[in-house]
Amino acid sequence: MARRKKRAELESPGASWMVTFADLMTLLLSFFVLLLSMSSMDKSILRDVVSHFVGDMGLAPKKGAGRLTTKFEFMNRIIENPAEALHDPQRIKDLLFPDEVLPEGMARSTLNENLQILVRPEGIALVLSDGMLFGVGESALTEDSRKLLSEFAQFLASVTMPVNVAGYTDNIPAGQKDNYMLSSERAMSVLTFFLQQGFDPRRFSVSAYGEAFPLGDNATPEGRAKNRRVEILLKTTGRTYL
């Protein structure tokens, strides 16, 4: 009897607002529970979920849409036929290091001047000048170079071929260290960075050549700048490191 009376009171016109209010409170409670659960989730998972649904609904932003897919597809084609890298090295630079990932204050022209794409007998080499990676005479990576290598690591995670990291110098003595020691320490700094990203150490090798195998003329400042470098070689002739 009491239940019927209470129900009748709620169903009366004067008390109808209570039903709406109760529904609102239920919705708010559900909303806050959802927020709490989302706050404890991995942000990368949330980002992937949102990207999936937004993309399926055709609401993904046009700028940058498909950039990662395009990068991987194009680079996989280059891996299958390394000689193709000679036809459009600029496209490789643009895909691996798009404008939005460049360190603050770094111009696209600076990257282009200090990055080369070379085809080696064993595969494809990214050649980074020492000025992009280190301070003068130093072997510790700069913060800007870590950002660039971090971007490249995303691509390395999508492929499986072995990687060799090689250091080179010009023919000018490196102060208290000889050039072989300096090239070794620089190559090890880059290798250590990749291993810190969680890559399998068995996949990597390291080399130090000092002033051997110059790319430029050591008699000129421009040539010496080309020779002070680190090469990251993707060994496309050997697809597995196991």
C-alpha atoms as a PDB file:
ATOM      1  CA  MET A   1       0.000   0.000   0.000  1.00  0.00           C
ATOM      2  CA  ALA A   2       2.815   2.365   0.921  1.00  0.00           C
ATOM      3  CA  ARG A   3       4.622   1.562  -2.346  1.00  0.00           C
ATOM      4  CA  ARG A   4       1.544   2.304  -4.437  1.00  0.00           C
ATOM      5  CA  LYS A   5       1.072   5.576  -2.583  1.00  0.00           C
ATOM      6  CA  LYS A   6       4.680   6.614  -3.133  1.00  0.00           C
ATOM      7  CA  ARG A   7       4.489   5.675  -6.805  1.00  0.00           C
ATOM      8  CA  ALA A   8       1.292   7.633  -7.215  1.00  0.00           C
ATOM      9  CA  GLU A   9       2.945  10.664  -5.688  1.00  0.00           C
ATOM     10  CA  LEU A  10       5.878  10.390  -8.093  1.00  0.00           C
ATOM     11  CA  GLU A  11       3.563   9.986 -11.064  1.00  0.00           C
ATOM     12  CA  SER A  12       1.549  13.048 -10.111  1.00  0.00           C
ATOM     13  CA  PRO A  13       2.220  16.155 -12.261  1.00  0.00           C
ATOM     14  CA  GLY A  14       3.743  18.056  -9.345  1.00  0.00           C
ATOM     15  CA  ALA A  15       6.401  15.413  -8.677  1.00  0.00           C
ATOM     16  CA  SER A  16       7.357  14.553 -12.268  1.00  0.00           C
ATOM     17  CA  TRP A  17      10.509  16.674 -12.003  1.00  0.00           C
ATOM     18  CA  MET A  18      11.880  14.150  -9.509  1.00  0.00           C
ATOM     19  CA  VAL A  19      11.952  11.434 -12.172  1.00  0.00           C
ATOM     20  CA  THR A  20      13.892  13.667 -14.536  1.00  0.00           C
ATOM     21  CA  PHE A  21      16.214  14.691 -11.730  1.00  0.00           C
ATOM     22  CA  ALA A  22      16.860  11.046 -10.809  1.00  0.00           C
ATOM     23  CA  ASP A  23      17.683  10.215 -14.441  1.00  0.00           C
ATOM     24  CA  LEU A  24      20.087  13.172 -14.581  1.00  0.00           C
ATOM     25  CA  MET A  25      21.855  12.043 -11.422  1.00  0.00           C
ATOM     26  CA  THR A  26      22.213   8.544 -12.829  1.00  0.00           C
ATOM     27  CA  LEU A  27      23.756   9.890 -16.029  1.00  0.00           C
ATOM     28  CA  LEU A  28      26.160  12.129 -14.100  1.00  0.00           C
ATOM     29  CA  LEU A  29      27.218   9.233 -11.902  1.00  0.00           C
ATOM     30  CA  SER A  30      27.870   7.079 -14.981  1.00  0.00           C
ATOM     31  CA  PHE A  31      29.862   9.915 -16.546  1.00  0.00           C
ATOM     32  CA  PHE A  32      32.130  10.311 -13.531  1.00  0.00           C
ATOM     33  CA  VAL A  33      32.693   6.566 -13.277  1.00  0.00           C
ATOM     34  CA  LEU A  34      33.693   6.592 -16.965  1.00  0.00           C
ATOM     35  CA  LEU A  35      36.112   9.474 -16.392  1.00  0.00           C
ATOM     36  CA  LEU A  36      37.677   7.650 -13.469  1.00  0.00           C
ATOM     37  CA  SER A  37      38.182   4.497 -15.489  1.00  0.00           C
ATOM     38  CA  MET A  38      39.677   6.441 -18.422  1.00  0.00           C
ATOM     39  CA  SER A  39      42.122   8.254 -16.176  1.00  0.00           C
ATOM     40  CA  SER A  40      43.659   4.942 -15.127  1.00  0.00           C
ATOM     41  CA  MET A  41      44.020   3.643 -18.666  1.00  0.00           C
ATOM     42  CA  ASP A  42      47.161   3.810 -20.755  1.00  0.00           C
ATOM     43  CA  LYS A  43      47.029   7.019 -22.784  1.00  0.00           C
ATOM     44  CA  SER A  44      48.393   5.232 -25.850  1.00  0.00           C
ATOM     45  CA  ILE A  45      45.477   2.779 -25.710  1.00  0.00           C
ATOM     46  CA  LEU A  46      42.977   5.616 -25.492  1.00  0.00           C
ATOM     47  CA  ARG A  47      44.650   7.364 -28.411  1.00  0.00           C
ATOM     48  CA  ASP A  48      44.487   4.199 -30.521  1.00  0.00           C
ATOM     49  CA  VAL A  49      40.834   3.606 -29.653  1.00  0.00           C
ATOM     50  CA  VAL A  50      39.852   7.184 -30.471  1.00  0.00           C
ATOM     51  CA  SER A  51      41.818   7.101 -33.726  1.00  0.00           C
ATOM     52  CA  HIS A  52      40.105   3.859 -34.706  1.00  0.00           C
ATOM     53  CA  PHE A  53      36.563   5.131 -34.205  1.00  0.00           C
ATOM     54  CA  VAL A  54      37.254   8.595 -35.605  1.00  0.00           C
ATOM     55  CA  GLY A  55      38.841   7.072 -38.674  1.00  0.00           C
ATOM     56  CA  ASP A  56      35.961   4.637 -39.210  1.00  0.00           C
ATOM     57  CA  MET A  57      33.483   7.515 -39.112  1.00  0.00           C
ATOM     58  CA  GLY A  58      35.475   9.459 -41.688  1.00  0.00           C
ATOM     59  CA  LEU A  59      36.238  12.242 -39.206  1.00  0.00           C
ATOM     60  CA  ALA A  60      40.029  11.901 -39.143  1.00  0.00           C
ATOM     61  CA  PRO A  61      41.834  15.166 -39.908  1.00  0.00           C
ATOM     62  CA  LYS A  62      43.113  15.405 -43.453  1.00  0.00           C
ATOM     63  CA  LYS A  63      46.467  16.890 -42.450  1.00  0.00           C
ATOM     64  CA  GLY A  64      48.859  14.038 -41.753  1.00  0.00           C
ATOM     65  CA  ALA A  65      46.197  11.398 -42.374  1.00  0.00           C
ATOM     66  CA  GLY A  66      47.817   8.127 -43.338  1.00  0.00           C
ATOM     67  CA  ARG A  67      51.335   9.525 -42.798  1.00  0.00           C
ATOM     68  CA  LEU A  68      52.594   6.527 -40.810  1.00  0.00           C
ATOM     69  CA  THR A  69      51.051   4.048 -43.228  1.00  0.00           C
ATOM     70  CA  THR A  70      52.527   5.875 -46.206  1.00  0.00           C
ATOM     71  CA  LYS A  71      55.929   6.030 -44.531  1.00  0.00           C
ATOM     72  CA  PHE A  72      56.007   2.331 -43.769  1.00  0.00           C
ATOM     73  CA  GLU A  73      54.721   1.291 -47.187  1.00  0.00           C
ATOM     74  CA  PHE A  74      57.221   3.456 -49.033  1.00  0.00           C
ATOM     75  CA  MET A  75      60.159   2.396 -46.847  1.00  0.00           C
ATOM     76  CA  ASN A  76      59.232  -1.256 -47.200  1.00  0.00           C
ATOM     77  CA  ARG A  77      59.365  -0.779 -50.969  1.00  0.00           C
ATOM     78  CA  ILE A  78      62.805   0.791 -50.573  1.00  0.00           C
ATOM     79  CA  ILE A  79      63.924  -2.148 -48.438  1.00  0.00           C
ATOM     80  CA  GLU A  80      62.843  -4.537 -51.189  1.00  0.00           C
ATOM     81  CA  ASN A  81      64.807  -2.512 -53.757  1.00  0.00           C
ATOM     82  CA  PRO A  82      67.470  -0.308 -52.095  1.00  0.00           C
ATOM     83  CA  ALA A  83      68.549   1.201 -55.434  1.00  0.00           C
ATOM     84  CA  GLU A  84      65.200   3.015 -55.494  1.00  0.00           C
ATOM     85  CA  ALA A  85      66.451   5.185 -52.633  1.00  0.00           C
ATOM     86  CA  LEU A  86      68.720   6.958 -55.113  1.00  0.00           C
ATOM     87  CA  HIS A  87      65.749   8.171 -57.142  1.00  0.00           C
ATOM     88  CA  ASP A  88      63.995  10.117 -54.376  1.00  0.00           C
ATOM     89  CA  PRO A  89      66.136  10.491 -51.228  1.00  0.00           C
ATOM     90  CA  GLN A  90      64.286  13.688 -50.299  1.00  0.00           C
ATOM     91  CA  ARG A  91      61.029  11.795 -49.966  1.00  0.00           C
ATOM     92  CA  ILE A  92      62.678   9.407 -47.519  1.00  0.00           C
ATOM     93  CA  LYS A  93      63.857  12.358 -45.418  1.00  0.00           C
ATOM     94  CA  ASP A  94      60.397  13.945 -45.458  1.00  0.00           C
ATOM     95  CA  LEU A  95      58.622  10.727 -44.475  1.00  0.00           C
ATOM     96  CA  LEU A  96      61.014   9.684 -41.722  1.00  0.00           C
ATOM     97  CA  PHE A  97      61.327  13.189 -40.288  1.00  0.00           C
ATOM     98  CA  PRO A  98      58.194  15.244 -41.084  1.00  0.00           C
ATOM     99  CA  ASP A  99      58.135  18.919 -40.122  1.00  0.00           C
ATOM    100  CA  GLU A 100      56.019  18.365 -37.017  1.00  0.00           C
ATOM    101  CA  VAL A 101      58.654  16.148 -35.353  1.00  0.00           C
ATOM    102  CA  LEU A 102      61.635  18.423 -35.935  1.00  0.00           C
ATOM    103  CA  PRO A 103      63.094  19.893 -32.731  1.00  0.00           C
ATOM    104  CA  GLU A 104      61.940  23.413 -31.960  1.00  0.00           C
ATOM    105  CA  GLY A 105      64.035  25.934 -33.854  1.00  0.00           C
ATOM    106  CA  MET A 106      65.386  23.425 -36.387  1.00  0.00           C
ATOM    107  CA  ALA A 107      64.648  24.349 -39.983  1.00  0.00           C
ATOM    108  CA  ARG A 108      63.890  21.766 -42.651  1.00  0.00           C
ATOM    109  CA  SER A 109      66.896  23.041 -44.597  1.00  0.00           C
ATOM    110  CA  THR A 110      69.171  22.294 -41.625  1.00  0.00           C
ATOM    111  CA  LEU A 111      67.991  18.694 -41.520  1.00  0.00           C
ATOM    112  CA  ASN A 112      68.396  18.287 -45.279  1.00  0.00           C
ATOM    113  CA  GLU A 113      71.945  19.648 -45.182  1.00  0.00           C
ATOM    114  CA  ASN A 114      72.983  17.322 -42.365  1.00  0.00           C
ATOM    115  CA  LEU A 115      71.235  14.120 -43.436  1.00  0.00           C
ATOM    116  CA  GLN A 116      72.136  11.938 -46.400  1.00  0.00           C
ATOM    117  CA  ILE A 117      70.565   8.755 -47.710  1.00  0.00           C
ATOM    118  CA  LEU A 118      73.202   6.430 -49.174  1.00  0.00           C
ATOM    119  CA  VAL A 119      72.977   3.002 -50.757  1.00  0.00           C
ATOM    120  CA  ARG A 120      75.622   0.596 -49.482  1.00  0.00           C
ATOM    121  CA  PRO A 121      76.357  -2.972 -50.660  1.00  0.00           C
ATOM    122  CA  GLU A 122      74.648  -4.234 -47.481  1.00  0.00           C
ATOM    123  CA  GLY A 123      71.605  -1.953 -47.649  1.00  0.00           C
ATOM    124  CA  ILE A 124      70.535   1.634 -46.978  1.00  0.00           C
ATOM    125  CA  ALA A 125      72.400   4.047 -44.700  1.00  0.00           C
ATOM    126  CA  LEU A 126      71.113   7.159 -42.962  1.00  0.00           C
ATOM    127  CA  VAL A 127      74.101   9.446 -42.616  1.00  0.00           C
ATOM    128  CA  LEU A 128      73.848  12.082 -39.877  1.00  0.00           C
ATOM    129  CA  SER A 129      76.547  14.721 -39.535  1.00  0.00           C
ATOM    130  CA  ASP A 130      78.147  15.104 -36.123  1.00  0.00           C
ATOM    131  CA  GLY A 131      76.664  18.601 -35.793  1.00  0.00           C
ATOM    132  CA  MET A 132      73.164  17.053 -35.750  1.00  0.00           C
ATOM    133  CA  LEU A 133      74.048  14.677 -32.927  1.00  0.00           C
ATOM    134  CA  PHE A 134      76.841  15.998 -30.737  1.00  0.00           C
ATOM    135  CA  GLY A 135      78.540  19.076 -29.413  1.00  0.00           C
ATOM    136  CA  VAL A 136      81.971  19.956 -30.825  1.00  0.00           C
ATOM    137  CA  GLY A 137      84.416  17.194 -29.866  1.00  0.00           C
ATOM    138  CA  GLU A 138      81.741  15.526 -27.670  1.00  0.00           C
ATOM    139  CA  SER A 139      80.276  12.034 -27.780  1.00  0.00           C
ATOM    140  CA  ALA A 140      77.103  12.592 -25.705  1.00  0.00           C
ATOM    141  CA  LEU A 141      73.876  12.984 -27.686  1.00  0.00           C
ATOM    142  CA  THR A 142      72.163  16.363 -27.551  1.00  0.00           C
ATOM    143  CA  GLU A 143      68.480  16.669 -26.618  1.00  0.00           C
ATOM    144  CA  ASP A 144      67.580  17.615 -30.206  1.00  0.00           C
ATOM    145  CA  SER A 145      69.372  14.550 -31.565  1.00  0.00           C
ATOM    146  CA  ARG A 146      67.471  12.329 -29.121  1.00  0.00           C
ATOM    147  CA  LYS A 147      64.197  13.648 -30.514  1.00  0.00           C
ATOM    148  CA  LEU A 148      65.263  12.830 -34.066  1.00  0.00           C
ATOM    149  CA  LEU A 149      66.542   9.362 -33.162  1.00  0.00           C
ATOM    150  CA  SER A 150      63.338   8.703 -31.226  1.00  0.00           C
ATOM    151  CA  GLU A 151      61.326   9.393 -34.373  1.00  0.00           C
ATOM    152  CA  PHE A 152      63.546   7.060 -36.400  1.00  0.00           C
ATOM    153  CA  ALA A 153      63.174   4.390 -33.707  1.00  0.00           C
ATOM    154  CA  GLN A 154      59.441   4.265 -34.500  1.00  0.00           C
ATOM    155  CA  PHE A 155      60.331   3.123 -37.997  1.00  0.00           C
ATOM    156  CA  LEU A 156      62.925   0.635 -36.743  1.00  0.00           C
ATOM    157  CA  ALA A 157      60.207  -0.911 -34.598  1.00  0.00           C
ATOM    158  CA  SER A 158      58.183  -1.663 -37.742  1.00  0.00           C
ATOM    159  CA  VAL A 159      60.926  -3.666 -39.497  1.00  0.00           C
ATOM    160  CA  THR A 160      63.182  -6.558 -38.522  1.00  0.00           C
ATOM    161  CA  MET A 161      66.454  -6.256 -40.432  1.00  0.00           C
ATOM    162  CA  PRO A 162      69.822  -6.005 -38.636  1.00  0.00           C
ATOM    163  CA  VAL A 163      71.250  -2.531 -38.009  1.00  0.00           C
ATOM    164  CA  ASN A 164      74.853  -1.374 -37.892  1.00  0.00           C
ATOM    165  CA  VAL A 165      75.821   1.922 -36.259  1.00  0.00           C
ATOM    166  CA  ALA A 166      79.164   3.265 -37.475  1.00  0.00           C
ATOM    167  CA  GLY A 167      81.135   6.325 -36.376  1.00  0.00           C
ATOM    168  CA  TYR A 168      83.509   8.380 -38.547  1.00  0.00           C
ATOM    169  CA  THR A 169      85.678  11.473 -38.096  1.00  0.00           C
ATOM    170  CA  ASP A 170      87.736  13.813 -40.251  1.00  0.00           C
ATOM    171  CA  ASN A 171      91.563  13.708 -40.258  1.00  0.00           C
ATOM    172  CA  ILE A 172      92.020  16.433 -37.639  1.00  0.00           C
ATOM    173  CA  PRO A 173      93.300  15.039 -34.301  1.00  0.00           C
ATOM    174  CA  ALA A 174      90.525  14.932 -31.692  1.00  0.00           C
ATOM    175  CA  GLY A 175      92.488  16.453 -28.820  1.00  0.00           C
ATOM    176  CA  GLN A 176      93.189  14.013 -25.992  1.00  0.00           C
ATOM    177  CA  LYS A 177      91.286  11.225 -27.774  1.00  0.00           C
ATOM    178  CA  ASP A 178      92.374   9.747 -31.065  1.00  0.00           C
ATOM    179  CA  ASN A 179      89.866   9.756 -33.885  1.00  0.00           C
ATOM    180  CA  TYR A 180      89.130   6.039 -33.584  1.00  0.00           C
ATOM    181  CA  MET A 181      88.226   6.463 -29.934  1.00  0.00           C
ATOM    182  CA  LEU A 182      85.980   9.450 -30.666  1.00  0.00           C
ATOM    183  CA  SER A 183      84.212   7.660 -33.534  1.00  0.00           C
ATOM    184  CA  SER A 184      83.756   4.617 -31.287  1.00  0.00           C
ATOM    185  CA  GLU A 185      82.243   6.615 -28.425  1.00  0.00           C
ATOM    186  CA  ARG A 186      79.859   8.423 -30.768  1.00  0.00           C
ATOM    187  CA  ALA A 187      78.677   5.209 -32.403  1.00  0.00           C
ATOM    188  CA  MET A 188      78.166   3.675 -28.958  1.00  0.00           C
ATOM    189  CA  SER A 189      76.097   6.673 -27.843  1.00  0.00           C
ATOM    190  CA  VAL A 190      73.675   6.138 -30.739  1.00  0.00           C
ATOM    191  CA  LEU A 191      73.605   2.377 -30.190  1.00  0.00           C
ATOM    192  CA  THR A 192      72.952   2.833 -26.468  1.00  0.00           C
ATOM    193  CA  PHE A 193      70.046   5.157 -27.239  1.00  0.00           C
ATOM    194  CA  PHE A 194      68.389   2.511 -29.434  1.00  0.00           C
ATOM    195  CA  LEU A 195      68.887  -0.197 -26.831  1.00  0.00           C
ATOM    196  CA  GLN A 196      67.278   2.067 -24.246  1.00  0.00           C
ATOM    197  CA  GLN A 197      64.165   2.057 -26.455  1.00  0.00           C
ATOM    198  CA  GLY A 198      63.802  -1.664 -25.803  1.00  0.00           C
ATOM    199  CA  PHE A 199      65.245  -3.129 -29.015  1.00  0.00           C
ATOM    200  CA  ASP A 200      66.850  -6.563 -28.973  1.00  0.00           C
ATOM    201  CA  PRO A 201      70.656  -6.100 -28.660  1.00  0.00           C
ATOM    202  CA  ARG A 202      71.197  -9.068 -30.999  1.00  0.00           C
ATOM    203  CA  ARG A 203      69.821  -6.975 -33.817  1.00  0.00           C
ATOM    204  CA  PHE A 204      72.558  -4.336 -33.595  1.00  0.00           C
ATOM    205  CA  SER A 205      76.273  -4.107 -34.305  1.00  0.00           C
ATOM    206  CA  VAL A 206      78.642  -1.186 -33.935  1.00  0.00           C
ATOM    207  CA  SER A 207      81.702  -0.032 -35.895  1.00  0.00           C
ATOM    208  CA  ALA A 208      84.310   2.720 -35.549  1.00  0.00           C
ATOM    209  CA  TYR A 209      86.331   3.807 -38.570  1.00  0.00           C
ATOM    210  CA  GLY A 210      87.912   7.065 -37.448  1.00  0.00           C
ATOM    211  CA  GLU A 211      89.075   9.037 -40.471  1.00  0.00           C
ATOM    212  CA  ALA A 212      88.881   6.039 -42.839  1.00  0.00           C
ATOM    213  CA  PHE A 213      86.377   6.010 -45.710  1.00  0.00           C
ATOM    214  CA  PRO A 214      85.840   9.783 -46.046  1.00  0.00           C
ATOM    215  CA  LEU A 215      82.838  11.121 -47.960  1.00  0.00           C
ATOM    216  CA  GLY A 216      84.422  14.523 -48.594  1.00  0.00           C
ATOM    217  CA  ASP A 217      87.807  16.117 -49.106  1.00  0.00           C
ATOM    218  CA  ASN A 218      89.601  16.536 -45.786  1.00  0.00           C
ATOM    219  CA  ALA A 219      91.497  19.458 -47.284  1.00  0.00           C
ATOM    220  CA  THR A 220      88.373  21.661 -47.077  1.00  0.00           C
ATOM    221  CA  PRO A 221      86.102  22.600 -44.141  1.00  0.00           C
ATOM    222  CA  GLU A 222      83.059  21.444 -46.111  1.00  0.00           C
ATOM    223  CA  GLY A 223      84.656  18.069 -46.832  1.00  0.00           C
ATOM    224  CA  ARG A 224      85.697  17.544 -43.219  1.00  0.00           C
ATOM    225  CA  ALA A 225      82.145  18.359 -42.086  1.00  0.00           C
ATOM    226  CA  LYS A 226      80.840  15.558 -44.337  1.00  0.00           C
ATOM    227  CA  ASN A 227      83.345  13.119 -42.886  1.00  0.00           C
ATOM    228  CA  ARG A 228      82.378  13.701 -39.243  1.00  0.00           C
ATOM    229  CA  ARG A 229      79.291  11.526 -39.177  1.00  0.00           C
ATOM    230  CA  VAL A 230      77.375   8.546 -37.850  1.00  0.00           C
ATOM    231  CA  GLU A 231      75.884   6.090 -40.323  1.00  0.00           C
ATOM    232  CA  ILE A 232      72.863   3.974 -39.377  1.00  0.00           C
ATOM    233  CA  LEU A 233      72.906   1.096 -41.837  1.00  0.00           C
ATOM    234  CA  LEU A 234      69.777  -0.970 -42.455  1.00  0.00           C
ATOM    235  CA  LYS A 235      71.107  -4.308 -43.652  1.00  0.00           C
ATOM    236  CA  THR A 236      68.549  -5.234 -46.267  1.00  0.00           C
ATOM    237  CA  THR A 237      70.630  -8.124 -47.599  1.00  0.00           C
ATOM    238  CA  GLY A 238      70.118  -9.983 -44.312  1.00  0.00           C
ATOM    239  CA  ARG A 239      66.488  -9.762 -43.245  1.00  0.00           C
ATOM    240  CA  THR A 240      66.719 -11.394 -39.855  1.00  0.00           C
ATOM    241  CA  TYR A 241      69.038 -10.928 -36.914  1.00  0.00           C
ATOM    242  CA  LEU A 242      68.285 -14.321 -35.304  1.00  0.00           C
END
